[in-house]
Every structure is written in structure tokens, then in C-alpha cells.
Amino acid sequence: MRRFVFGLVCAVGAITSVGVSTDARAASTMPMATVTSKMIAAYGGKDVLDSIKTSVHVVALTVQGQTGTITTTIEAPSKFLQVVSVPAFHATVTTAFDGTNGWSSDAYGNVKALTGDQLTTTRCNATDITHAMLHPDPTIVFAVQPNQTVDGKSLITVLVSEKGCPTVTLLVDPQTELITRYVSPLQTVDFSDYMKGPLGEIYPKTVVITGGIGTYYTTVTSIQDNVPVDDSIFAMPASGQSPAPAASPAPSANPSSQPI
């Protein structure tokens, strides 16, 4: 549930939600605090989740029939560097946020500071929902809503409202307490094939992103936790310099992920 799954929005464009209906007869009666507590436990527990200060995630995807990767370096609670690479297109695109400022570089290596709506979108995407649940923030509000039905299954519905950001919806499986779908004004993201990560955290191995420019199927191929990260990688490169690559942790730093 950490920010990396939601960070995929930086790599994919405008998206609309589909296939969701409200089930007024199955409105959740659980207080938000109970839902939050169950979700934290399902994702590995407070101690495990709070122990992860940095991480590097590698995700495989296919774009127009060509394979690519998304490598995201994260430092809690909101810093990240994301590199999207599609070798067949000779394209590498980088997006970064240092907690206050954001920047990006295009396929030609042109670096620019993010401003206006682009900076707001990047800041909102950088929010670590796990951190917000573990450490309540008055600018981020969670609220239980009437259940919604997806593919015939009634799901707990949680609205996440962050000051200055669009409201997003989390659809949670009441049996596992894990998120099955994330819906925002820009995208719908479906999560499945949950695995146990290096430190015992639970994460979705398969992530499907659906929107106006199509559907992208992605697979998490690598997760490394608590790796050394130089904060300078999040800062915008000086004029004429190339963006820093994502961190490259030693393969032996953590054990392999396991099915749950």
C-alpha cells in the first residue's frame, strides 16, 4: 500500500473510472478508525510499515507492444524519483519530487521545473497513504462511504481527501482488508496477486492501469527496502547536467518476495 503503487500515475496519462456502482444496501457500518486499523494490519502491521524509510521498486510494463520498466526510488513520506524507460522507443522519462518542488526530464533529456497544475498533480501523487494512516495529518481526511459493487462483489469504500488535491477512492476487499481498486479523476488502478515483501510488508504484484489512452498491465519485478539513498537525486539537476538514475541497491540487501 505504500506510495509506489499510486506513483504509477506519473507514468500514465489521463484516465477515467469504469465498472463501479454504489450498493446502498451494503453500506459499511465500521468506523473509519476500525477500517484503518484492519488495513494497516493486513498490509503487514504498524511496526513493519513504519520501519520502511526508503525503498526502490521496479515495475515491468508494455507500451504499444514494447516492453519497458518503471523504477521508483522513494524516501518517506513524500520524496520520489521515477524513471520510465522504453528501450525500443529510445525513451527515458524522469519525474521527481523532493517534498516541495518537482521536476521532470523528457525523452530528449530536457529538464524542467514543474509548476502549476503539473506540480500539484505530482505533489498529490507523492502522498504516501500508508504514512497518512499511520501518522494522522489534519490535511488528509479518510471517510467510509456506502459500499460499492465491482464485478458482483461488495467492497468497502474509503474516500481520501487531501487539501489541494482531488478526492480519490479506495475500494477494499472486506475479506482481506487489502485495496482492490484505486479511483481518481485521472485513473483507475486495479491491484491483485498480493505478495509479501522483503520486510514482511504486503504489496500487489500485478497492477492494471485503465484510462483514456488505454489499459496498461504492469508487474512488480523487484522491491528493495531501507536502501541508502542520497537526497540529492530528488533535486532538479543544474542546467546541462543529466538527471540522476534511480538508486541501485545490492541484490543481497533483502530476501526475495513471497506469496501471501
C-alpha atoms as a PDB file:
ATOM      1  CA  MET A   1       0.000   0.000   0.000  1.00  0.00           C
ATOM      2  CA  ARG A   2       2.975   2.291   0.034  1.00  0.00           C
ATOM      3  CA  ARG A   3       3.188   5.191  -2.392  1.00  0.00           C
ATOM      4  CA  PHE A   4       4.810   3.255  -5.238  1.00  0.00           C
ATOM      5  CA  VAL A   5       1.563   1.708  -6.462  1.00  0.00           C
ATOM      6  CA  PHE A   6      -0.042   5.098  -6.721  1.00  0.00           C
ATOM      7  CA  GLY A   7       3.132   6.606  -8.155  1.00  0.00           C
ATOM      8  CA  LEU A   8       2.455   4.750 -11.399  1.00  0.00           C
ATOM      9  CA  VAL A   9       0.149   7.650 -12.281  1.00  0.00           C
ATOM     10  CA  CYS A  10       3.232   9.674 -13.122  1.00  0.00           C
ATOM     11  CA  ALA A  11       3.953   7.279 -15.956  1.00  0.00           C
ATOM     12  CA  VAL A  12       0.470   7.002 -17.422  1.00  0.00           C
ATOM     13  CA  GLY A  13      -1.795   9.773 -18.749  1.00  0.00           C
ATOM     14  CA  ALA A  14      -5.424  10.821 -18.346  1.00  0.00           C
ATOM     15  CA  ILE A  15      -7.721   8.024 -17.204  1.00  0.00           C
ATOM     16  CA  THR A  16     -11.395   7.502 -16.333  1.00  0.00           C
ATOM     17  CA  SER A  17     -13.024   5.049 -13.927  1.00  0.00           C
ATOM     18  CA  VAL A  18     -15.272   2.253 -15.168  1.00  0.00           C
ATOM     19  CA  GLY A  19     -17.422  -0.592 -13.882  1.00  0.00           C
ATOM     20  CA  VAL A  20     -18.265   0.695 -10.389  1.00  0.00           C
ATOM     21  CA  SER A  21     -21.738   1.066  -8.883  1.00  0.00           C
ATOM     22  CA  THR A  22     -22.916   2.115  -5.437  1.00  0.00           C
ATOM     23  CA  ASP A  23     -24.549  -0.589  -3.329  1.00  0.00           C
ATOM     24  CA  ALA A  24     -26.668   1.376  -0.870  1.00  0.00           C
ATOM     25  CA  ARG A  25     -27.906  -1.808   0.794  1.00  0.00           C
ATOM     26  CA  ALA A  26     -24.379  -2.747   1.855  1.00  0.00           C
ATOM     27  CA  ALA A  27     -23.173   0.460   3.414  1.00  0.00           C
ATOM     28  CA  SER A  28     -20.250  -0.146   5.752  1.00  0.00           C
ATOM     29  CA  THR A  29     -21.085   0.459   9.402  1.00  0.00           C
ATOM     30  CA  MET A  30     -17.479   0.247  10.604  1.00  0.00           C
ATOM     31  CA  PRO A  31     -15.939   3.435  11.995  1.00  0.00           C
ATOM     32  CA  MET A  32     -13.081   4.795   9.895  1.00  0.00           C
ATOM     33  CA  ALA A  33     -10.636   4.067  12.718  1.00  0.00           C
ATOM     34  CA  THR A  34     -11.604   0.375  12.599  1.00  0.00           C
ATOM     35  CA  VAL A  35     -11.201   0.224   8.815  1.00  0.00           C
ATOM     36  CA  THR A  36      -7.812   1.920   9.052  1.00  0.00           C
ATOM     37  CA  SER A  37      -6.643  -0.428  11.804  1.00  0.00           C
ATOM     38  CA  LYS A  38      -7.667  -3.511   9.809  1.00  0.00           C
ATOM     39  CA  MET A  39      -5.966  -2.223   6.653  1.00  0.00           C
ATOM     40  CA  ILE A  40      -2.709  -1.460   8.470  1.00  0.00           C
ATOM     41  CA  ALA A  41      -2.701  -4.970   9.954  1.00  0.00           C
ATOM     42  CA  ALA A  42      -3.444  -6.528   6.549  1.00  0.00           C
ATOM     43  CA  TYR A  43      -0.523  -4.732   4.902  1.00  0.00           C
ATOM     44  CA  GLY A  44       1.983  -6.019   7.440  1.00  0.00           C
ATOM     45  CA  GLY A  45       1.301  -4.128  10.645  1.00  0.00           C
ATOM     46  CA  LYS A  46       2.310  -0.742  12.028  1.00  0.00           C
ATOM     47  CA  ASP A  47       5.820  -1.737  13.104  1.00  0.00           C
ATOM     48  CA  VAL A  48       6.709  -3.226   9.724  1.00  0.00           C
ATOM     49  CA  LEU A  49       5.239  -0.404   7.658  1.00  0.00           C
ATOM     50  CA  ASP A  50       6.740   2.302   9.856  1.00  0.00           C
ATOM     51  CA  SER A  51      10.171   0.673   9.622  1.00  0.00           C
ATOM     52  CA  ILE A  52      10.388   1.233   5.849  1.00  0.00           C
ATOM     53  CA  LYS A  53      12.082   4.589   5.362  1.00  0.00           C
ATOM     54  CA  THR A  54      13.348   4.151   1.798  1.00  0.00           C
ATOM     55  CA  SER A  55      12.629   1.710  -0.996  1.00  0.00           C
ATOM     56  CA  VAL A  56      13.293   1.017  -4.661  1.00  0.00           C
ATOM     57  CA  HIS A  57      10.621  -0.627  -6.803  1.00  0.00           C
ATOM     58  CA  VAL A  58      10.994  -1.936 -10.351  1.00  0.00           C
ATOM     59  CA  VAL A  59       7.869  -2.499 -12.417  1.00  0.00           C
ATOM     60  CA  ALA A  60       7.692  -4.106 -15.865  1.00  0.00           C
ATOM     61  CA  LEU A  61       5.122  -2.823 -18.358  1.00  0.00           C
ATOM     62  CA  THR A  62       4.207  -2.991 -22.035  1.00  0.00           C
ATOM     63  CA  VAL A  63       3.619   0.159 -24.116  1.00  0.00           C
ATOM     64  CA  GLN A  64       2.270  -0.247 -27.658  1.00  0.00           C
ATOM     65  CA  GLY A  65       3.618  -3.770 -27.736  1.00  0.00           C
ATOM     66  CA  GLN A  66       7.054  -2.764 -26.451  1.00  0.00           C
ATOM     67  CA  THR A  67       8.440  -3.687 -23.053  1.00  0.00           C
ATOM     68  CA  GLY A  68       9.614  -1.110 -20.573  1.00  0.00           C
ATOM     69  CA  THR A  69      10.357  -0.533 -16.901  1.00  0.00           C
ATOM     70  CA  ILE A  70       9.368   1.945 -14.219  1.00  0.00           C
ATOM     71  CA  THR A  71      11.994   2.296 -11.482  1.00  0.00           C
ATOM     72  CA  THR A  72      10.899   4.339  -8.481  1.00  0.00           C
ATOM     73  CA  THR A  73      13.114   5.403  -5.582  1.00  0.00           C
ATOM     74  CA  ILE A  74      11.133   6.536  -2.534  1.00  0.00           C
ATOM     75  CA  GLU A  75      12.039   8.249   0.705  1.00  0.00           C
ATOM     76  CA  ALA A  76       9.213   8.534   3.236  1.00  0.00           C
ATOM     77  CA  PRO A  77       6.992  10.366   3.491  1.00  0.00           C
ATOM     78  CA  SER A  78       6.845  12.049   0.073  1.00  0.00           C
ATOM     79  CA  LYS A  79      10.135  12.182  -1.837  1.00  0.00           C
ATOM     80  CA  PHE A  80      10.480  10.138  -5.001  1.00  0.00           C
ATOM     81  CA  LEU A  81      12.425   9.750  -8.233  1.00  0.00           C
ATOM     82  CA  GLN A  82      10.728   7.786 -11.003  1.00  0.00           C
ATOM     83  CA  VAL A  83      12.416   6.701 -14.236  1.00  0.00           C
ATOM     84  CA  VAL A  84      10.300   5.286 -17.071  1.00  0.00           C
ATOM     85  CA  SER A  85      12.330   3.548 -19.767  1.00  0.00           C
ATOM     86  CA  VAL A  86      11.125   2.017 -23.062  1.00  0.00           C
ATOM     87  CA  PRO A  87      14.290   0.958 -24.934  1.00  0.00           C
ATOM     88  CA  ALA A  88      12.533   0.275 -28.255  1.00  0.00           C
ATOM     89  CA  PHE A  89      11.430   3.910 -28.359  1.00  0.00           C
ATOM     90  CA  HIS A  90      14.864   5.129 -27.167  1.00  0.00           C
ATOM     91  CA  ALA A  91      12.885   6.914 -24.468  1.00  0.00           C
ATOM     92  CA  THR A  92      13.713   7.577 -20.832  1.00  0.00           C
ATOM     93  CA  VAL A  93      11.483   9.946 -18.892  1.00  0.00           C
ATOM     94  CA  THR A  94      12.219  11.033 -15.320  1.00  0.00           C
ATOM     95  CA  THR A  95       9.904  12.650 -12.748  1.00  0.00           C
ATOM     96  CA  ALA A  96      10.967  13.670  -9.249  1.00  0.00           C
ATOM     97  CA  PHE A  97       9.609  15.379  -6.153  1.00  0.00           C
ATOM     98  CA  ASP A  98      11.690  16.481  -3.163  1.00  0.00           C
ATOM     99  CA  GLY A  99       8.793  17.079  -0.791  1.00  0.00           C
ATOM    100  CA  THR A 100       8.243  20.632  -2.020  1.00  0.00           C
ATOM    101  CA  ASN A 101       9.439  21.024  -5.593  1.00  0.00           C
ATOM    102  CA  GLY A 102       9.116  18.771  -8.613  1.00  0.00           C
ATOM    103  CA  TRP A 103      10.858  18.428 -11.953  1.00  0.00           C
ATOM    104  CA  SER A 104      10.891  16.202 -15.000  1.00  0.00           C
ATOM    105  CA  SER A 105      13.035  15.365 -17.997  1.00  0.00           C
ATOM    106  CA  ASP A 106      11.623  14.287 -21.336  1.00  0.00           C
ATOM    107  CA  ALA A 107      12.777  11.649 -23.807  1.00  0.00           C
ATOM    108  CA  TYR A 108      15.308  14.121 -25.206  1.00  0.00           C
ATOM    109  CA  GLY A 109      16.869  14.845 -21.824  1.00  0.00           C
ATOM    110  CA  ASN A 110      15.346  18.324 -21.475  1.00  0.00           C
ATOM    111  CA  VAL A 111      14.908  19.108 -17.776  1.00  0.00           C
ATOM    112  CA  LYS A 112      12.233  21.486 -16.491  1.00  0.00           C
ATOM    113  CA  ALA A 113      10.769  22.514 -13.157  1.00  0.00           C
ATOM    114  CA  LEU A 114       7.158  21.522 -12.583  1.00  0.00           C
ATOM    115  CA  THR A 115       4.771  24.384 -11.901  1.00  0.00           C
ATOM    116  CA  GLY A 116       1.047  24.993 -11.631  1.00  0.00           C
ATOM    117  CA  ASP A 117      -1.210  22.011 -12.226  1.00  0.00           C
ATOM    118  CA  GLN A 118       1.735  19.718 -13.058  1.00  0.00           C
ATOM    119  CA  LEU A 119       3.384  20.403  -9.700  1.00  0.00           C
ATOM    120  CA  THR A 120       0.070  19.994  -7.868  1.00  0.00           C
ATOM    121  CA  THR A 121      -0.578  16.646  -9.571  1.00  0.00           C
ATOM    122  CA  THR A 122       2.919  15.417  -8.748  1.00  0.00           C
ATOM    123  CA  ARG A 123       2.625  16.539  -5.125  1.00  0.00           C
ATOM    124  CA  CYS A 124      -0.731  14.802  -4.758  1.00  0.00           C
ATOM    125  CA  ASN A 125       0.607  11.630  -6.368  1.00  0.00           C
ATOM    126  CA  ALA A 126       3.544  11.681  -3.931  1.00  0.00           C
ATOM    127  CA  THR A 127       1.289  11.274  -0.914  1.00  0.00           C
ATOM    128  CA  ASP A 128       2.028   8.031   0.925  1.00  0.00           C
ATOM    129  CA  ILE A 129      -1.386   6.786   2.020  1.00  0.00           C
ATOM    130  CA  THR A 130       0.249   4.309   4.389  1.00  0.00           C
ATOM    131  CA  HIS A 131       2.124   7.106   6.156  1.00  0.00           C
ATOM    132  CA  ALA A 132      -1.063   9.175   6.370  1.00  0.00           C
ATOM    133  CA  MET A 133      -2.881   6.268   8.030  1.00  0.00           C
ATOM    134  CA  LEU A 134      -0.045   5.606  10.467  1.00  0.00           C
ATOM    135  CA  HIS A 135       0.510   9.282  11.251  1.00  0.00           C
ATOM    136  CA  PRO A 136      -2.777  11.223  11.080  1.00  0.00           C
ATOM    137  CA  ASP A 137      -2.476  14.514   9.236  1.00  0.00           C
ATOM    138  CA  PRO A 138      -5.250  17.136   9.517  1.00  0.00           C
ATOM    139  CA  THR A 139      -4.805  17.937   5.809  1.00  0.00           C
ATOM    140  CA  ILE A 140      -5.658  14.342   4.813  1.00  0.00           C
ATOM    141  CA  VAL A 141      -9.107  13.006   5.722  1.00  0.00           C
ATOM    142  CA  PHE A 142     -10.314   9.401   5.368  1.00  0.00           C
ATOM    143  CA  ALA A 143     -14.066   8.703   5.308  1.00  0.00           C
ATOM    144  CA  VAL A 144     -16.042   5.459   4.964  1.00  0.00           C
ATOM    145  CA  GLN A 145     -18.800   5.612   2.329  1.00  0.00           C
ATOM    146  CA  PRO A 146     -21.548   3.197   1.224  1.00  0.00           C
ATOM    147  CA  ASN A 147     -20.062   0.043  -0.221  1.00  0.00           C
ATOM    148  CA  GLN A 148     -19.556  -0.157  -3.971  1.00  0.00           C
ATOM    149  CA  THR A 149     -20.038  -3.278  -6.080  1.00  0.00           C
ATOM    150  CA  VAL A 150     -17.355  -4.325  -8.553  1.00  0.00           C
ATOM    151  CA  ASP A 151     -17.813  -7.482 -10.621  1.00  0.00           C
ATOM    152  CA  GLY A 152     -20.584  -8.598  -8.283  1.00  0.00           C
ATOM    153  CA  LYS A 153     -18.554  -8.158  -5.092  1.00  0.00           C
ATOM    154  CA  SER A 154     -19.411  -5.594  -2.434  1.00  0.00           C
ATOM    155  CA  LEU A 155     -16.328  -3.604  -1.403  1.00  0.00           C
ATOM    156  CA  ILE A 156     -15.646  -1.248   1.473  1.00  0.00           C
ATOM    157  CA  THR A 157     -15.392   2.278   0.084  1.00  0.00           C
ATOM    158  CA  VAL A 158     -12.997   4.836   1.559  1.00  0.00           C
ATOM    159  CA  LEU A 159     -12.706   8.410   0.308  1.00  0.00           C
ATOM    160  CA  VAL A 160      -9.322  10.101   0.746  1.00  0.00           C
ATOM    161  CA  SER A 161      -9.488  13.888   0.691  1.00  0.00           C
ATOM    162  CA  GLU A 162      -6.211  15.805   0.837  1.00  0.00           C
ATOM    163  CA  LYS A 163      -6.115  19.583   0.970  1.00  0.00           C
ATOM    164  CA  GLY A 164      -5.471  20.947  -2.516  1.00  0.00           C
ATOM    165  CA  CYS A 165      -5.789  17.521  -4.184  1.00  0.00           C
ATOM    166  CA  PRO A 166      -8.624  15.701  -5.975  1.00  0.00           C
ATOM    167  CA  THR A 167     -10.548  13.231  -3.825  1.00  0.00           C
ATOM    168  CA  VAL A 168      -9.607   9.605  -4.506  1.00  0.00           C
ATOM    169  CA  THR A 169     -11.496   6.421  -3.698  1.00  0.00           C
ATOM    170  CA  LEU A 170     -10.075   3.210  -2.251  1.00  0.00           C
ATOM    171  CA  LEU A 171     -12.142   0.052  -2.743  1.00  0.00           C
ATOM    172  CA  VAL A 172     -11.174  -2.505  -0.098  1.00  0.00           C
ATOM    173  CA  ASP A 173     -11.895  -6.241  -0.050  1.00  0.00           C
ATOM    174  CA  PRO A 174     -13.744  -6.874   3.248  1.00  0.00           C
ATOM    175  CA  GLN A 175     -12.268 -10.369   3.487  1.00  0.00           C
ATOM    176  CA  THR A 176      -8.601  -9.468   3.076  1.00  0.00           C
ATOM    177  CA  GLU A 177      -8.724  -5.750   4.052  1.00  0.00           C
ATOM    178  CA  LEU A 178      -6.496  -5.114   1.001  1.00  0.00           C
ATOM    179  CA  ILE A 179      -7.151  -2.486  -1.664  1.00  0.00           C
ATOM    180  CA  THR A 180      -8.502  -3.945  -4.892  1.00  0.00           C
ATOM    181  CA  ARG A 181      -9.084  -0.687  -6.746  1.00  0.00           C
ATOM    182  CA  TYR A 182      -7.935   2.931  -6.578  1.00  0.00           C
ATOM    183  CA  VAL A 183     -10.042   5.525  -8.413  1.00  0.00           C
ATOM    184  CA  SER A 184      -9.156   9.158  -9.053  1.00  0.00           C
ATOM    185  CA  PRO A 185     -10.448  11.716 -11.564  1.00  0.00           C
ATOM    186  CA  LEU A 186      -7.479  10.757 -13.772  1.00  0.00           C
ATOM    187  CA  GLN A 187      -7.297   6.981 -13.484  1.00  0.00           C
ATOM    188  CA  THR A 188      -8.493   3.623 -12.270  1.00  0.00           C
ATOM    189  CA  VAL A 189      -5.896   1.227 -10.887  1.00  0.00           C
ATOM    190  CA  ASP A 190      -6.650  -2.421 -10.055  1.00  0.00           C
ATOM    191  CA  PHE A 191      -4.423  -4.399  -7.680  1.00  0.00           C
ATOM    192  CA  SER A 192      -4.096  -8.188  -7.417  1.00  0.00           C
ATOM    193  CA  ASP A 193      -1.693 -11.079  -6.738  1.00  0.00           C
ATOM    194  CA  TYR A 194      -0.601  -9.760  -3.359  1.00  0.00           C
ATOM    195  CA  MET A 195       2.848 -10.813  -2.164  1.00  0.00           C
ATOM    196  CA  LYS A 196       4.947 -10.479   0.991  1.00  0.00           C
ATOM    197  CA  GLY A 197       7.843  -8.056   0.565  1.00  0.00           C
ATOM    198  CA  PRO A 198      11.382  -8.110   1.954  1.00  0.00           C
ATOM    199  CA  LEU A 199      10.472  -6.849   5.437  1.00  0.00           C
ATOM    200  CA  GLY A 200       7.083  -8.530   5.634  1.00  0.00           C
ATOM    201  CA  GLU A 201       5.045  -5.749   4.042  1.00  0.00           C
ATOM    202  CA  ILE A 202       2.251  -6.814   1.681  1.00  0.00           C
ATOM    203  CA  TYR A 203       2.138  -5.399  -1.852  1.00  0.00           C
ATOM    204  CA  PRO A 204       0.294  -6.112  -5.132  1.00  0.00           C
ATOM    205  CA  LYS A 205       2.454  -7.839  -7.725  1.00  0.00           C
ATOM    206  CA  THR A 206       0.007  -7.115 -10.563  1.00  0.00           C
ATOM    207  CA  VAL A 207      -1.210  -3.574 -11.220  1.00  0.00           C
ATOM    208  CA  VAL A 208      -3.576  -2.743 -14.096  1.00  0.00           C
ATOM    209  CA  ILE A 209      -3.998   0.918 -15.036  1.00  0.00           C
ATOM    210  CA  THR A 210      -7.010   1.852 -17.160  1.00  0.00           C
ATOM    211  CA  GLY A 211      -7.795   5.182 -18.779  1.00  0.00           C
ATOM    212  CA  GLY A 212      -8.450   7.312 -21.797  1.00  0.00           C
ATOM    213  CA  ILE A 213      -5.216   6.266 -23.515  1.00  0.00           C
ATOM    214  CA  GLY A 214      -5.766   2.568 -22.941  1.00  0.00           C
ATOM    215  CA  THR A 215      -5.014  -0.142 -20.425  1.00  0.00           C
ATOM    216  CA  TYR A 216      -1.529  -0.879 -19.105  1.00  0.00           C
ATOM    217  CA  TYR A 217      -0.653  -4.171 -17.442  1.00  0.00           C
ATOM    218  CA  THR A 218       2.278  -3.905 -15.072  1.00  0.00           C
ATOM    219  CA  THR A 219       4.118  -6.392 -12.881  1.00  0.00           C
ATOM    220  CA  VAL A 220       6.281  -5.590  -9.875  1.00  0.00           C
ATOM    221  CA  THR A 221       9.565  -7.414 -10.500  1.00  0.00           C
ATOM    222  CA  SER A 222      11.721  -6.126  -7.632  1.00  0.00           C
ATOM    223  CA  ILE A 223      11.395  -4.408  -4.256  1.00  0.00           C
ATOM    224  CA  GLN A 224      14.297  -3.371  -2.034  1.00  0.00           C
ATOM    225  CA  ASP A 225      13.680  -1.754   1.367  1.00  0.00           C
ATOM    226  CA  ASN A 226      15.750   0.615   3.503  1.00  0.00           C
ATOM    227  CA  VAL A 227      18.456   1.098   0.892  1.00  0.00           C
ATOM    228  CA  PRO A 228      20.921   4.008   1.114  1.00  0.00           C
ATOM    229  CA  VAL A 229      19.502   6.988  -0.788  1.00  0.00           C
ATOM    230  CA  ASP A 230      21.330  10.242  -1.499  1.00  0.00           C
ATOM    231  CA  ASP A 231      18.810  13.079  -1.146  1.00  0.00           C
ATOM    232  CA  SER A 232      20.495  14.922  -3.996  1.00  0.00           C
ATOM    233  CA  ILE A 233      18.826  12.597  -6.520  1.00  0.00           C
ATOM    234  CA  PHE A 234      15.483  14.275  -5.789  1.00  0.00           C
ATOM    235  CA  ALA A 235      16.814  17.759  -6.570  1.00  0.00           C
ATOM    236  CA  MET A 236      16.488  19.208 -10.049  1.00  0.00           C
ATOM    237  CA  PRO A 237      19.771  18.850 -11.993  1.00  0.00           C
ATOM    238  CA  ALA A 238      21.676  22.004 -12.812  1.00  0.00           C
ATOM    239  CA  SER A 239      21.491  23.239 -16.386  1.00  0.00           C
ATOM    240  CA  GLY A 240      23.415  20.926 -18.703  1.00  0.00           C
ATOM    241  CA  GLN A 241      23.514  18.008 -16.255  1.00  0.00           C
ATOM    242  CA  SER A 242      21.727  14.693 -16.777  1.00  0.00           C
ATOM    243  CA  PRO A 243      19.130  13.509 -14.237  1.00  0.00           C
ATOM    244  CA  ALA A 244      20.383  11.120 -11.576  1.00  0.00           C
ATOM    245  CA  PRO A 245      19.477   7.469 -12.155  1.00  0.00           C
ATOM    246  CA  ALA A 246      17.276   5.610  -9.707  1.00  0.00           C
ATOM    247  CA  ALA A 247      19.102   4.038  -6.799  1.00  0.00           C
ATOM    248  CA  SER A 248      20.602   0.598  -7.417  1.00  0.00           C
ATOM    249  CA  PRO A 249      20.577  -1.403  -4.177  1.00  0.00           C
ATOM    250  CA  ALA A 250      22.647  -4.528  -3.718  1.00  0.00           C
ATOM    251  CA  PRO A 251      20.617  -7.631  -4.621  1.00  0.00           C
ATOM    252  CA  SER A 252      21.528  -9.275  -1.322  1.00  0.00           C
ATOM    253  CA  ALA A 253      20.159  -6.407   0.784  1.00  0.00           C
ATOM    254  CA  ASN A 254      16.776  -8.097   1.275  1.00  0.00           C
ATOM    255  CA  PRO A 255      15.266 -11.550   0.822  1.00  0.00           C
ATOM    256  CA  SER A 256      13.042 -12.344  -2.152  1.00  0.00           C
ATOM    257  CA  SER A 257       9.347 -11.606  -2.038  1.00  0.00           C
ATOM    258  CA  GLN A 258       6.993 -14.467  -1.191  1.00  0.00           C
ATOM    259  CA  PRO A 259       3.318 -15.159  -1.929  1.00  0.00           C
ATOM    260  CA  ILE A 260       0.977 -14.454   0.984  1.00  0.00           C
END
